[in-house]
C-alpha atoms as a PDB file:
ATOM      1  CA  UNK A   1     243.582 115.810 148.024  1.00  0.00           C
ATOM      2  CA  UNK A   2     244.595 114.705 144.300  1.00  0.00           C
ATOM      3  CA  UNK A   3     242.107 115.588 142.215  1.00  0.00           C
ATOM      4  CA  UNK A   4     241.370 112.493 139.328  1.00  0.00           C
ATOM      5  CA  UNK A   5     241.657 113.934 136.071  1.00  0.00           C
ATOM      6  CA  UNK A   6     238.180 113.531 134.826  1.00  0.00           C
ATOM      7  CA  UNK A   7     236.844 115.385 137.702  1.00  0.00           C
ATOM      8  CA  UNK A   8     238.964 118.679 135.714  1.00  0.00           C
ATOM      9  CA  UNK A   9     237.890 117.768 132.827  1.00  0.00           C
ATOM     10  CA  UNK A  10     234.299 117.992 133.688  1.00  0.00           C
ATOM     11  CA  UNK A  11     234.662 120.732 134.779  1.00  0.00           C
ATOM     12  CA  UNK A  12     236.376 122.372 132.386  1.00  0.00           C
ATOM     13  CA  UNK A  13     233.958 121.114 129.982  1.00  0.00           C
ATOM     14  CA  UNK A  14     231.312 122.300 132.170  1.00  0.00           C
ATOM     15  CA  UNK A  15     232.677 126.005 132.125  1.00  0.00           C
ATOM     16  CA  UNK A  16     233.422 125.821 128.317  1.00  0.00           C
ATOM     17  CA  UNK A  17     229.936 124.526 126.945  1.00  0.00           C
ATOM     18  CA  UNK A  18     228.170 127.632 129.067  1.00  0.00           C
ATOM     19  CA  UNK A  19     230.476 130.365 128.207  1.00  0.00           C
ATOM     20  CA  UNK A  20     229.519 128.645 124.545  1.00  0.00           C
ATOM     21  CA  UNK A  21     225.976 128.659 125.173  1.00  0.00           C
ATOM     22  CA  UNK A  22     225.953 132.254 126.504  1.00  0.00           C
ATOM     23  CA  UNK A  23     227.624 133.515 123.029  1.00  0.00           C
ATOM     24  CA  UNK A  24     225.796 131.090 120.888  1.00  0.00           C
ATOM     25  CA  UNK A  25     222.343 131.960 122.653  1.00  0.00           C
ATOM     26  CA  UNK A  26     223.308 136.311 122.782  1.00  0.00           C
ATOM     27  CA  UNK A  27     222.205 136.532 126.325  1.00  0.00           C
ATOM     28  CA  UNK A  28     224.978 139.028 126.751  1.00  0.00           C
ATOM     29  CA  UNK A  29     224.620 140.627 123.028  1.00  0.00           C
ATOM     30  CA  UNK A  30     221.730 140.056 120.006  1.00  0.00           C
ATOM     31  CA  UNK A  31     224.717 140.591 117.992  1.00  0.00           C
ATOM     32  CA  UNK A  32     226.882 137.184 119.721  1.00  0.00           C
ATOM     33  CA  UNK A  33     223.313 135.516 118.129  1.00  0.00           C
ATOM     34  CA  UNK A  34     223.719 136.748 115.072  1.00  0.00           C
ATOM     35  CA  UNK A  35     227.421 136.275 114.579  1.00  0.00           C
ATOM     36  CA  UNK A  36     226.876 132.346 115.408  1.00  0.00           C
ATOM     37  CA  UNK A  37     223.479 131.931 112.993  1.00  0.00           C
ATOM     38  CA  UNK A  38     225.282 133.958 110.599  1.00  0.00           C
ATOM     39  CA  UNK A  39     228.624 131.426 110.765  1.00  0.00           C
ATOM     40  CA  UNK A  40     226.312 128.237 110.790  1.00  0.00           C
ATOM     41  CA  UNK A  41     224.749 129.560 107.445  1.00  0.00           C
ATOM     42  CA  UNK A  42     227.922 130.106 105.828  1.00  0.00           C
ATOM     43  CA  UNK A  43     229.647 126.682 106.987  1.00  0.00           C
ATOM     44  CA  UNK A  44     226.204 125.115 105.936  1.00  0.00           C
ATOM     45  CA  UNK A  45     226.258 126.693 102.720  1.00  0.00           C
ATOM     46  CA  UNK A  46     229.634 126.509 101.695  1.00  0.00           C
ATOM     47  CA  UNK A  47     230.173 122.966 101.298  1.00  0.00           C
ATOM     48  CA  UNK A  48     230.254 121.802  97.304  1.00  0.00           C
ATOM     49  CA  UNK A  49     231.834 119.697  94.457  1.00  0.00           C
ATOM     50  CA  UNK A  50     232.049 120.945  91.128  1.00  0.00           C
ATOM     51  CA  UNK A  51     232.611 118.537  87.561  1.00  0.00           C
ATOM     52  CA  UNK A  52     233.598 119.673  84.593  1.00  0.00           C
ATOM     53  CA  UNK A  53     231.595 118.179  81.198  1.00  0.00           C
ATOM     54  CA  UNK A  54     232.369 118.638  77.302  1.00  0.00           C
ATOM     55  CA  UNK A  55     230.388 121.672  76.051  1.00  0.00           C
ATOM     56  CA  UNK A  56     226.916 121.047  74.493  1.00  0.00           C
ATOM     57  CA  UNK A  57     223.527 122.840  74.015  1.00  0.00           C
ATOM     58  CA  UNK A  58     221.724 121.258  76.623  1.00  0.00           C
ATOM     59  CA  UNK A  59     225.134 122.164  78.763  1.00  0.00           C
ATOM     60  CA  UNK A  60     225.030 125.572  77.938  1.00  0.00           C
ATOM     61  CA  UNK A  61     221.580 126.124  78.524  1.00  0.00           C
ATOM     62  CA  UNK A  62     221.940 124.546  81.890  1.00  0.00           C
ATOM     63  CA  UNK A  63     224.742 126.557  82.729  1.00  0.00           C
ATOM     64  CA  UNK A  64     222.926 129.671  81.956  1.00  0.00           C
ATOM     65  CA  UNK A  65     220.091 128.452  84.122  1.00  0.00           C
ATOM     66  CA  UNK A  66     223.067 128.044  87.270  1.00  0.00           C
ATOM     67  CA  UNK A  67     224.055 131.690  86.525  1.00  0.00           C
ATOM     68  CA  UNK A  68     220.796 133.201  87.111  1.00  0.00           C
ATOM     69  CA  UNK A  69     219.865 131.015  90.054  1.00  0.00           C
ATOM     70  CA  UNK A  70     223.245 131.711  91.276  1.00  0.00           C
ATOM     71  CA  UNK A  71     222.764 135.478  90.951  1.00  0.00           C
ATOM     72  CA  UNK A  72     219.681 135.443  92.182  1.00  0.00           C
ATOM     73  CA  UNK A  73     220.941 133.431  95.421  1.00  0.00           C
ATOM     74  CA  UNK A  74     223.332 136.608  95.729  1.00  0.00           C
ATOM     75  CA  UNK A  75     220.201 138.995  95.409  1.00  0.00           C
ATOM     76  CA  UNK A  76     218.430 137.136  98.308  1.00  0.00           C
ATOM     77  CA  UNK A  77     221.430 137.164 100.251  1.00  0.00           C
ATOM     78  CA  UNK A  78     222.009 140.474  99.754  1.00  0.00           C
ATOM     79  CA  UNK A  79     218.555 141.328 101.184  1.00  0.00           C
ATOM     80  CA  UNK A  80     218.814 139.062 104.039  1.00  0.00           C
ATOM     81  CA  UNK A  81     221.748 140.537 104.785  1.00  0.00           C
ATOM     82  CA  UNK A  82     220.128 144.302 105.055  1.00  0.00           C
ATOM     83  CA  UNK A  83     217.035 142.816 106.684  1.00  0.00           C
ATOM     84  CA  UNK A  84     219.958 141.743 109.738  1.00  0.00           C
ATOM     85  CA  UNK A  85     221.226 144.952 109.636  1.00  0.00           C
ATOM     86  CA  UNK A  86     217.904 146.950 110.316  1.00  0.00           C
ATOM     87  CA  UNK A  87     216.979 144.002 112.904  1.00  0.00           C
ATOM     88  CA  UNK A  88     214.090 143.488 110.856  1.00  0.00           C
ATOM     89  CA  UNK A  89     213.026 139.302 111.220  1.00  0.00           C
ATOM     90  CA  UNK A  90     211.210 137.314 108.554  1.00  0.00           C
ATOM     91  CA  UNK A  91     208.278 136.105 110.440  1.00  0.00           C
ATOM     92  CA  UNK A  92     207.852 132.368 108.689  1.00  0.00           C
ATOM     93  CA  UNK A  93     206.539 130.574 111.907  1.00  0.00           C
ATOM     94  CA  UNK A  94     207.706 131.235 115.453  1.00  0.00           C
ATOM     95  CA  UNK A  95     208.226 128.083 116.131  1.00  0.00           C
ATOM     96  CA  UNK A  96     210.425 126.973 113.295  1.00  0.00           C
ATOM     97  CA  UNK A  97     212.800 130.008 113.699  1.00  0.00           C
ATOM     98  CA  UNK A  98     214.226 128.235 116.855  1.00  0.00           C
ATOM     99  CA  UNK A  99     217.791 128.321 117.028  1.00  0.00           C
ATOM    100  CA  UNK A 100     218.949 124.156 117.272  1.00  0.00           C
ATOM    101  CA  UNK A 101     222.568 124.962 118.385  1.00  0.00           C
ATOM    102  CA  UNK A 102     221.380 127.016 121.732  1.00  0.00           C
ATOM    103  CA  UNK A 103     219.467 124.284 122.645  1.00  0.00           C
ATOM    104  CA  UNK A 104     222.161 121.254 121.620  1.00  0.00           C
ATOM    105  CA  UNK A 105     224.285 123.265 123.883  1.00  0.00           C
ATOM    106  CA  UNK A 106     222.057 123.463 126.889  1.00  0.00           C
ATOM    107  CA  UNK A 107     221.478 119.682 126.927  1.00  0.00           C
ATOM    108  CA  UNK A 108     225.353 118.999 126.433  1.00  0.00           C
ATOM    109  CA  UNK A 109     225.502 121.525 129.249  1.00  0.00           C
ATOM    110  CA  UNK A 110     222.830 119.540 131.519  1.00  0.00           C
ATOM    111  CA  UNK A 111     224.496 116.305 131.016  1.00  0.00           C
ATOM    112  CA  UNK A 112     227.918 117.857 132.248  1.00  0.00           C
ATOM    113  CA  UNK A 113     226.273 119.299 135.446  1.00  0.00           C
ATOM    114  CA  UNK A 114     224.502 115.927 136.040  1.00  0.00           C
ATOM    115  CA  UNK A 115     227.831 113.969 135.196  1.00  0.00           C
ATOM    116  CA  UNK A 116     229.244 116.245 137.420  1.00  0.00           C
ATOM    117  CA  UNK A 117     226.998 115.760 140.283  1.00  0.00           C
ATOM    118  CA  UNK A 118     226.840 111.952 139.996  1.00  0.00           C
ATOM    119  CA  UNK A 119     230.548 111.959 140.268  1.00  0.00           C
ATOM    120  CA  UNK A 120     230.555 113.773 143.840  1.00  0.00           C
ATOM    121  CA  UNK A 121     227.609 111.476 145.194  1.00  0.00           C
ATOM    122  CA  UNK A 122     229.651 108.377 144.436  1.00  0.00           C
ATOM    123  CA  UNK A 123     233.000 109.619 145.708  1.00  0.00           C
ATOM    124  CA  UNK A 124     231.240 110.730 148.658  1.00  0.00           C
ATOM    125  CA  UNK A 125     229.140 107.246 148.824  1.00  0.00           C
ATOM    126  CA  UNK A 126     232.611 105.408 148.456  1.00  0.00           C
ATOM    127  CA  UNK A 127     234.444 107.823 150.684  1.00  0.00           C
ATOM    128  CA  UNK A 128     231.720 106.763 153.502  1.00  0.00           C
ATOM    129  CA  UNK A 129     232.188 102.887 152.602  1.00  0.00           C
ATOM    130  CA  UNK A 130     236.187 103.278 152.658  1.00  0.00           C
ATOM    131  CA  UNK A 131     235.814 104.909 156.105  1.00  0.00           C
ATOM    132  CA  UNK A 132     233.853 101.818 157.614  1.00  0.00           C
ATOM    133  CA  UNK A 133     235.929  99.561 156.389  1.00  0.00           C
ATOM    134  CA  UNK A 134     239.044 101.131 157.937  1.00  0.00           C
ATOM    135  CA  UNK A 135     236.958 101.668 161.207  1.00  0.00           C
ATOM    136  CA  UNK A 136     235.999  98.002 160.908  1.00  0.00           C
ATOM    137  CA  UNK A 137     239.715  97.030 160.666  1.00  0.00           C
ATOM    138  CA  UNK A 138     240.894  99.130 163.693  1.00  0.00           C
ATOM    139  CA  UNK A 139     238.169  97.494 165.732  1.00  0.00           C
ATOM    140  CA  UNK A 140     239.472  94.099 165.228  1.00  0.00           C
END
């Protein structure tokens, strides 16, 4: 029996999404969850734009303040890395620290599974209708 391409595509998408979800949620290892979260944070912070302007007194003071803020951000990142290394979690709120990517992947996986089930149900119904039609045409 020849399986249509969209059947194969739905199955492969569901399996790949399930593997990504297991990796992202940290079900097998908490390291994978931390790696996923760190990667998302890095990619979110890596995007930026810089522009050059002629130096003035105001620009130089702003640059000095910006440099100090950068140093503070680096120190904060180092502290956060140390906290992750010793598995300390900052308790800023239990409901706000939820990993959204896990829920998004879970929703996508659920939708894919619903599409697969719906696809098989519709194929079954179509097969029954074709069988009835063939039986009627043979009877006449």
